[in-house]
Amino acid sequence: MNYLISQINELRNSEIKGVIDKRLQKFSSVPRDFSSLFRELAFCILTAGTSAELGLKTIEHLGDTLFSGSQEEIQEKLKEIYRFHTIRAGYLYEARNNFEKIDMANPDIRNDLVKNIKGIGMKEASHFLRNIGFSNYAIIDFHIIDVLVKNNLIEKPKTLTVKKYSEVEGILKGLAAKLGMSLGELDLYLWYMETGKVLK
């Protein structure tokens, strides 16, 4: 863990810190209106199993159809640039209708999202919450797993069950505490280490 801490501290003393700080500031300034929040949720649904770049591109491509289109209209737009157009169109349409059930003040909001929104698991719920300013959730994808495995902090899991997700999140919490940063900030540094990018 010490080597990983030293790597992250090196990055904190580089120009990348400014990029990450700006991104975190952007996350915390997302308005709490329906369209802003739902757009972020839709991005996380579309990014799952694909990439952040494709998620961003697809959100832009959908435009107002995301908010006002029927399931069929959403699917037709998705079909033009997105592989999983049938199932994700259903997820987006249902999520739009069920989003009002989500209480943003609920201290158990992540589990609330997983329970009520199809297409949202622990990772996607954490991703959404981080992107709207909640900094105490870990987004555990294969990039983060790879960093932890390389640094002998975990063995590579065969599957990421809810229990395993919580275990890995606990390790990341310990790392974040040693660094004096939030899980949301740590994720951006770890992601940058693996990909050379700072994305949503």
Protein backbone atom coordinates (compact mmCIF):
# COMPACT_ATOMS: atom_id res chain seq x y z
CA MET A 1 0.00 0.00 0.00
CA ASN A 2 2.89 2.37 0.75
CA TYR A 3 4.12 2.30 -2.85
CA LEU A 4 0.62 3.12 -4.13
CA ILE A 5 0.32 5.96 -1.62
CA SER A 6 3.64 7.41 -2.82
CA GLN A 7 2.48 7.20 -6.46
CA ILE A 8 -0.75 9.03 -5.68
CA ASN A 9 1.11 11.66 -3.66
CA GLU A 10 3.41 12.24 -6.65
CA LEU A 11 0.34 12.89 -8.80
CA ARG A 12 -1.02 15.27 -6.16
CA ASN A 13 2.11 17.32 -6.62
CA SER A 14 1.71 17.44 -10.41
CA GLU A 15 -0.52 19.41 -12.77
CA ILE A 16 -3.06 16.57 -12.76
CA LYS A 17 -4.20 17.70 -9.30
CA GLY A 18 -5.69 20.85 -10.83
CA VAL A 19 -7.58 18.79 -13.42
CA ILE A 20 -8.98 16.46 -10.75
CA ASP A 21 -9.89 19.35 -8.42
CA LYS A 22 -11.85 21.01 -11.24
CA ARG A 23 -13.65 17.77 -12.01
CA LEU A 24 -14.63 17.31 -8.36
CA GLN A 25 -15.87 20.90 -8.24
CA LYS A 26 -17.97 20.24 -11.33
CA PHE A 27 -19.49 17.14 -9.71
CA SER A 28 -20.44 19.07 -6.58
CA SER A 29 -22.10 21.84 -8.59
CA VAL A 30 -24.56 19.65 -10.53
CA PRO A 31 -28.03 21.22 -10.04
CA ARG A 32 -30.58 19.15 -8.13
CA ASP A 33 -33.31 19.49 -10.77
CA PHE A 34 -34.78 16.44 -12.48
CA SER A 35 -33.18 16.92 -15.90
CA SER A 36 -29.66 17.42 -14.53
CA LEU A 37 -29.88 14.44 -12.19
CA PHE A 38 -31.58 12.13 -14.68
CA ARG A 39 -29.04 12.99 -17.35
CA GLU A 40 -26.27 11.85 -15.00
CA LEU A 41 -28.16 8.67 -14.13
CA ALA A 42 -28.72 7.90 -17.81
CA PHE A 43 -25.01 8.44 -18.47
CA CYS A 44 -24.16 5.82 -15.83
CA ILE A 45 -26.69 3.35 -17.27
CA LEU A 46 -25.20 3.81 -20.75
CA THR A 47 -21.59 3.61 -19.57
CA ALA A 48 -22.03 0.23 -17.87
CA GLY A 49 -20.20 -2.43 -19.88
CA THR A 50 -19.08 0.13 -22.48
CA SER A 51 -17.02 3.26 -21.82
CA ALA A 52 -17.38 6.74 -20.39
CA GLU A 53 -16.61 8.16 -23.82
CA LEU A 54 -19.47 6.23 -25.44
CA GLY A 55 -21.78 7.15 -22.57
CA LEU A 56 -21.09 10.86 -23.10
CA LYS A 57 -21.46 10.58 -26.87
CA THR A 58 -24.75 8.69 -26.54
CA ILE A 59 -26.25 11.17 -24.07
CA GLU A 60 -25.49 13.99 -26.51
CA HIS A 61 -26.94 11.97 -29.40
CA LEU A 62 -30.18 11.27 -27.53
CA GLY A 63 -30.78 14.95 -26.79
CA ASP A 64 -34.36 15.72 -25.75
CA THR A 65 -35.49 12.19 -26.69
CA LEU A 66 -34.01 11.08 -23.37
CA PHE A 67 -36.55 13.22 -21.51
CA SER A 68 -39.62 13.14 -23.74
CA GLY A 69 -39.31 10.15 -26.09
CA SER A 70 -41.23 6.88 -25.87
CA GLN A 71 -39.26 3.69 -25.26
CA GLU A 72 -39.41 2.98 -29.00
CA GLU A 73 -38.14 6.47 -29.86
CA ILE A 74 -35.28 6.15 -27.40
CA GLN A 75 -34.40 2.77 -28.89
CA GLU A 76 -34.40 4.13 -32.44
CA LYS A 77 -31.99 6.91 -31.45
CA LEU A 78 -29.77 4.51 -29.52
CA LYS A 79 -29.69 2.09 -32.44
CA GLU A 80 -27.84 4.67 -34.53
CA ILE A 81 -24.70 4.61 -32.36
CA TYR A 82 -25.14 2.19 -29.44
CA ARG A 83 -24.86 -1.59 -29.42
CA PHE A 84 -27.17 -2.53 -26.52
CA HIS A 85 -30.02 -0.41 -27.80
CA THR A 86 -32.97 -2.67 -26.95
CA ILE A 87 -32.29 -3.41 -23.29
CA ARG A 88 -30.83 0.01 -22.46
CA ALA A 89 -33.79 1.81 -24.07
CA GLY A 90 -36.02 -0.09 -21.65
CA TYR A 91 -33.74 0.78 -18.72
CA LEU A 92 -33.74 4.48 -19.61
CA TYR A 93 -37.49 4.65 -20.12
CA GLU A 94 -38.24 2.85 -16.84
CA ALA A 95 -35.61 4.85 -14.98
CA ARG A 96 -37.22 8.09 -16.13
CA ASN A 97 -40.57 6.92 -14.77
CA ASN A 98 -39.16 5.53 -11.50
CA PHE A 99 -36.67 8.26 -10.67
CA GLU A 100 -39.24 10.18 -8.62
CA LYS A 101 -39.21 7.26 -6.13
CA ILE A 102 -35.62 8.09 -5.23
CA ASP A 103 -35.21 10.23 -2.13
CA MET A 104 -31.95 12.14 -2.61
CA ALA A 105 -31.80 12.77 1.16
CA ASN A 106 -32.01 9.05 2.00
CA PRO A 107 -28.82 8.00 3.85
CA ASP A 108 -29.20 4.60 2.17
CA ILE A 109 -29.57 6.15 -1.28
CA ARG A 110 -27.20 3.77 -3.07
CA ASN A 111 -29.22 0.70 -2.09
CA ASP A 112 -32.38 2.64 -2.94
CA LEU A 113 -31.07 3.22 -6.48
CA VAL A 114 -30.05 -0.44 -6.91
CA LYS A 115 -33.46 -1.57 -5.71
CA ASN A 116 -35.60 0.80 -7.79
CA ILE A 117 -33.69 1.44 -11.02
CA LYS A 118 -33.14 -1.38 -13.51
CA GLY A 119 -29.68 -1.36 -15.07
CA ILE A 120 -28.13 0.10 -11.93
CA GLY A 121 -25.90 -2.03 -9.73
CA MET A 122 -23.50 -1.04 -6.95
CA LYS A 123 -20.91 0.33 -9.37
CA GLU A 124 -23.38 2.34 -11.47
CA ALA A 125 -25.15 3.72 -8.38
CA SER A 126 -21.79 4.75 -6.89
CA HIS A 127 -20.77 6.31 -10.21
CA PHE A 128 -23.99 8.33 -10.38
CA LEU A 129 -23.69 9.52 -6.79
CA ARG A 130 -20.04 10.55 -7.22
CA ASN A 131 -20.94 12.45 -10.39
CA ILE A 132 -23.51 14.54 -8.53
CA GLY A 133 -21.27 15.38 -5.59
CA PHE A 134 -21.53 12.47 -3.14
CA SER A 135 -17.90 11.69 -2.38
CA ASN A 136 -18.15 8.72 -0.02
CA TYR A 137 -18.80 5.88 -2.49
CA ALA A 138 -16.25 3.80 -4.39
CA ILE A 139 -16.68 3.12 -8.11
CA ILE A 140 -15.16 -0.33 -8.44
CA ASP A 141 -14.55 -1.28 -12.07
CA PHE A 142 -11.85 -3.42 -13.65
CA HIS A 143 -9.42 -0.48 -13.77
CA ILE A 144 -9.63 -0.05 -9.99
CA ILE A 145 -9.47 -3.82 -9.43
CA ASP A 146 -6.32 -3.98 -11.57
CA VAL A 147 -4.58 -1.27 -9.52
CA LEU A 148 -5.43 -3.03 -6.27
CA VAL A 149 -4.29 -6.42 -7.60
CA LYS A 150 -0.98 -4.96 -8.88
CA ASN A 151 -0.33 -3.53 -5.44
CA ASN A 152 -1.18 -6.82 -3.69
CA LEU A 153 -4.10 -5.28 -1.82
CA ILE A 154 -6.60 -7.84 -3.11
CA GLU A 155 -6.74 -11.02 -5.17
CA LYS A 156 -8.60 -10.61 -8.44
CA PRO A 157 -12.25 -11.57 -7.77
CA LYS A 158 -14.03 -13.89 -10.20
CA THR A 159 -17.23 -11.91 -9.76
CA LEU A 160 -18.04 -8.70 -7.93
CA THR A 161 -20.96 -9.62 -5.67
CA VAL A 162 -22.47 -7.04 -3.33
CA LYS A 163 -20.50 -8.61 -0.47
CA LYS A 164 -17.22 -8.54 -2.42
CA TYR A 165 -17.94 -4.98 -3.58
CA SER A 166 -18.32 -3.90 0.05
CA GLU A 167 -15.07 -5.68 1.00
CA VAL A 168 -13.09 -3.95 -1.76
CA GLU A 169 -14.75 -0.63 -0.89
CA GLY A 170 -13.52 -1.11 2.68
CA ILE A 171 -9.93 -1.43 1.42
CA LEU A 172 -10.33 1.70 -0.67
CA LYS A 173 -11.75 3.55 2.35
CA GLY A 174 -8.62 2.63 4.30
CA LEU A 175 -6.42 3.87 1.45
CA ALA A 176 -8.42 7.11 1.14
CA ALA A 177 -8.13 7.70 4.90
CA LYS A 178 -4.33 7.29 4.79
CA LEU A 179 -4.20 9.82 1.94
CA GLY A 180 -6.62 12.22 3.59
CA MET A 181 -8.99 12.26 0.63
CA SER A 182 -12.50 11.13 -0.23
CA LEU A 183 -13.32 7.95 -2.15
CA GLY A 184 -14.54 10.10 -5.04
CA GLU A 185 -11.19 11.88 -5.28
CA LEU A 186 -9.23 8.66 -4.88
CA ASP A 187 -11.15 7.08 -7.74
CA LEU A 188 -10.09 9.83 -10.12
CA TYR A 189 -6.42 9.40 -9.19
CA LEU A 190 -6.56 5.60 -9.53
CA TRP A 191 -8.41 5.86 -12.83
CA TYR A 192 -5.85 8.32 -14.14
CA MET A 193 -3.02 5.98 -13.11
CA GLU A 194 -4.55 3.17 -15.17
CA THR A 195 -5.89 5.08 -18.18
CA GLY A 196 -4.09 8.43 -18.34
CA LYS A 197 -7.52 10.11 -18.40
CA VAL A 198 -9.74 12.08 -16.04
CA LEU A 199 -13.33 11.43 -17.08
CA LYS A 200 -16.74 11.37 -15.44
